[in-house]
C-alpha atoms as a PDB file:
ATOM      1  CA  MET A   1       0.000   0.000   0.000  1.00  0.00           C
ATOM      2  CA  THR A   2       2.870   2.364   0.776  1.00  0.00           C
ATOM      3  CA  ALA A   3       4.369   1.743  -2.662  1.00  0.00           C
ATOM      4  CA  ILE A   4       1.088   2.705  -4.328  1.00  0.00           C
ATOM      5  CA  THR A   5       0.878   5.897  -2.280  1.00  0.00           C
ATOM      6  CA  TRP A   6       4.423   6.894  -3.213  1.00  0.00           C
ATOM      7  CA  ALA A   7       3.763   6.053  -6.881  1.00  0.00           C
ATOM      8  CA  VAL A   8       0.697   8.327  -6.908  1.00  0.00           C
ATOM      9  CA  ARG A   9       2.686  11.096  -5.202  1.00  0.00           C
ATOM     10  CA  LEU A  10       5.478  10.727  -7.770  1.00  0.00           C
ATOM     11  CA  ILE A  11       3.002  10.930 -10.654  1.00  0.00           C
ATOM     12  CA  ILE A  12       1.366  14.064  -9.206  1.00  0.00           C
ATOM     13  CA  PHE A  13       4.754  15.676  -8.538  1.00  0.00           C
ATOM     14  CA  SER A  14       5.920  14.878 -12.102  1.00  0.00           C
ATOM     15  CA  PHE A  15       2.742  16.369 -13.556  1.00  0.00           C
ATOM     16  CA  LEU A  16       3.110  19.561 -11.514  1.00  0.00           C
ATOM     17  CA  LEU A  17       6.815  19.854 -12.376  1.00  0.00           C
ATOM     18  CA  LEU A  18       6.092  19.541 -16.097  1.00  0.00           C
ATOM     19  CA  PHE A  19       3.290  22.090 -15.752  1.00  0.00           C
ATOM     20  CA  ALA A  20       5.659  24.524 -14.043  1.00  0.00           C
ATOM     21  CA  LEU A  21       8.411  24.029 -16.616  1.00  0.00           C
ATOM     22  CA  GLN A  22       6.042  24.666 -19.528  1.00  0.00           C
ATOM     23  CA  ASN A  23       4.528  27.841 -18.031  1.00  0.00           C
ATOM     24  CA  THR A  24       7.562  30.044 -17.525  1.00  0.00           C
ATOM     25  CA  ASP A  25       6.434  32.800 -19.911  1.00  0.00           C
ATOM     26  CA  PRO A  26       6.442  36.221 -18.234  1.00  0.00           C
ATOM     27  CA  VAL A  27       3.070  37.812 -17.607  1.00  0.00           C
ATOM     28  CA  ASN A  28       2.145  41.326 -16.539  1.00  0.00           C
ATOM     29  CA  LEU A  29      -0.230  42.028 -13.672  1.00  0.00           C
ATOM     30  CA  ASN A  30      -1.630  45.551 -13.734  1.00  0.00           C
ATOM     31  CA  PHE A  31      -2.440  46.924 -10.297  1.00  0.00           C
ATOM     32  CA  VAL A  32      -4.067  50.148  -9.162  1.00  0.00           C
ATOM     33  CA  LEU A  33      -2.303  53.437  -9.966  1.00  0.00           C
ATOM     34  CA  GLY A  34      -0.409  51.976 -12.907  1.00  0.00           C
ATOM     35  CA  GLN A  35       1.756  49.556 -10.958  1.00  0.00           C
ATOM     36  CA  ILE A  36       2.865  46.585 -13.035  1.00  0.00           C
ATOM     37  CA  TRP A  37       4.255  43.317 -11.703  1.00  0.00           C
ATOM     38  CA  GLN A  38       6.001  41.057 -14.192  1.00  0.00           C
ATOM     39  CA  ALA A  39       6.647  37.433 -13.188  1.00  0.00           C
ATOM     40  CA  PRO A  40       6.554  33.941 -14.679  1.00  0.00           C
ATOM     41  CA  LEU A  41       3.047  32.555 -15.100  1.00  0.00           C
ATOM     42  CA  VAL A  42       3.653  29.596 -12.797  1.00  0.00           C
ATOM     43  CA  ILE A  43       4.732  31.923  -9.958  1.00  0.00           C
ATOM     44  CA  VAL A  44       1.612  34.041 -10.397  1.00  0.00           C
ATOM     45  CA  LEU A  45      -0.594  30.942 -10.366  1.00  0.00           C
ATOM     46  CA  LEU A  46       1.161  29.601  -7.257  1.00  0.00           C
ATOM     47  CA  ALA A  47       0.805  32.942  -5.458  1.00  0.00           C
ATOM     48  CA  PHE A  48      -2.922  33.176  -6.162  1.00  0.00           C
ATOM     49  CA  PHE A  49      -3.482  29.525  -5.212  1.00  0.00           C
ATOM     50  CA  ALA A  50      -1.650  30.035  -1.911  1.00  0.00           C
ATOM     51  CA  GLY A  51      -3.598  33.239  -1.260  1.00  0.00           C
ATOM     52  CA  GLY A  52      -6.903  31.465  -1.878  1.00  0.00           C
ATOM     53  CA  ALA A  53      -5.933  28.590   0.399  1.00  0.00           C
ATOM     54  CA  LEU A  54      -4.943  31.059   3.124  1.00  0.00           C
ATOM     55  CA  LEU A  55      -8.253  32.917   2.820  1.00  0.00           C
ATOM     56  CA  GLY A  56     -10.101  29.598   3.044  1.00  0.00           C
ATOM     57  CA  VAL A  57      -8.281  28.643   6.240  1.00  0.00           C
ATOM     58  CA  LEU A  58      -8.879  32.080   7.753  1.00  0.00           C
ATOM     59  CA  SER A  59     -12.590  31.888   6.954  1.00  0.00           C
ATOM     60  CA  LEU A  60     -12.849  28.626   8.939  1.00  0.00           C
ATOM     61  CA  LEU A  61     -11.073  29.882  12.061  1.00  0.00           C
ATOM     62  CA  GLY A  62     -14.187  31.551  13.478  1.00  0.00           C
ATOM     63  CA  VAL A  63     -16.268  28.408  13.068  1.00  0.00           C
ATOM     64  CA  ILE A  64     -13.587  26.205  14.628  1.00  0.00           C
ATOM     65  CA  TYR A  65     -13.131  28.576  17.577  1.00  0.00           C
ATOM     66  CA  ARG A  66     -16.904  28.707  18.180  1.00  0.00           C
ATOM     67  CA  GLN A  67     -17.196  24.908  18.051  1.00  0.00           C
ATOM     68  CA  ARG A  68     -14.317  24.402  20.496  1.00  0.00           C
ATOM     69  CA  ARG A  69     -15.904  26.868  22.910  1.00  0.00           C
ATOM     70  CA  GLU A  70     -19.251  25.043  22.650  1.00  0.00           C
ATOM     71  CA  ILE A  71     -17.580  21.648  23.192  1.00  0.00           C
ATOM     72  CA  SER A  72     -15.774  22.889  26.311  1.00  0.00           C
ATOM     73  CA  ARG A  73     -19.031  24.355  27.648  1.00  0.00           C
ATOM     74  CA  LEU A  74     -20.876  21.072  27.048  1.00  0.00           C
ATOM     75  CA  LYS A  75     -18.081  19.079  28.726  1.00  0.00           C
ATOM     76  CA  ARG A  76     -18.256  21.371  31.742  1.00  0.00           C
ATOM     77  CA  VAL A  77     -22.062  20.993  31.966  1.00  0.00           C
ATOM     78  CA  ALA A  78     -21.772  17.215  31.569  1.00  0.00           C
ATOM     79  CA  SER A  79     -19.179  16.941  34.332  1.00  0.00           C
ATOM     80  CA  GLU A  80     -21.301  19.103  36.665  1.00  0.00           C
ATOM     81  CA  THR A  81     -24.368  17.002  35.895  1.00  0.00           C
ATOM     82  CA  LYS A  82     -22.413  13.806  36.425  1.00  0.00           C
ATOM     83  CA  ALA A  83     -21.084  15.046  39.780  1.00  0.00           C
ATOM     84  CA  ALA A  84     -24.571  16.080  40.879  1.00  0.00           C
ATOM     85  CA  ALA A  85     -26.093  12.783  39.715  1.00  0.00           C
ATOM     86  CA  VAL A  86     -23.818  10.696  41.927  1.00  0.00           C
ATOM     87  CA  VAL A  87     -25.915  10.362  45.050  1.00  0.00           C
ATOM     88  CA  VAL A  88     -25.091   7.830  47.744  1.00  0.00           C
ATOM     89  CA  PRO A  89     -28.305   6.017  48.650  1.00  0.00           C
ATOM     90  CA  GLU A  90     -29.133   5.829  52.322  1.00  0.00           C
ATOM     91  CA  PRO A  91     -29.453   2.374  53.827  1.00  0.00           C
ATOM     92  CA  PRO A  92     -33.054   1.274  54.412  1.00  0.00           C
ATOM     93  CA  ALA A  93     -34.434   1.855  57.894  1.00  0.00           C
ATOM     94  CA  VAL A  94     -34.796  -1.284  59.948  1.00  0.00           C
END
């Protein structure tokens, strides 16, 4: 199974390397106020992919933080309920 995983990784890496080597033509990005950035196409694509991935991760941070806070609150309530539910029964009167 490990050999198959490494073979798939090698195929993906080879594909991405060939893609990068074939897309080295310089492109111009025109920004506001006439600023121009000239870079190879593969670098521009990588930068925008990384930026999109970063924005995706940042958009999930609020949800993850809220869920962790809710889980800790529920654990605290469950432990309090569990502690209150443990009642030692009194022996029957004779």
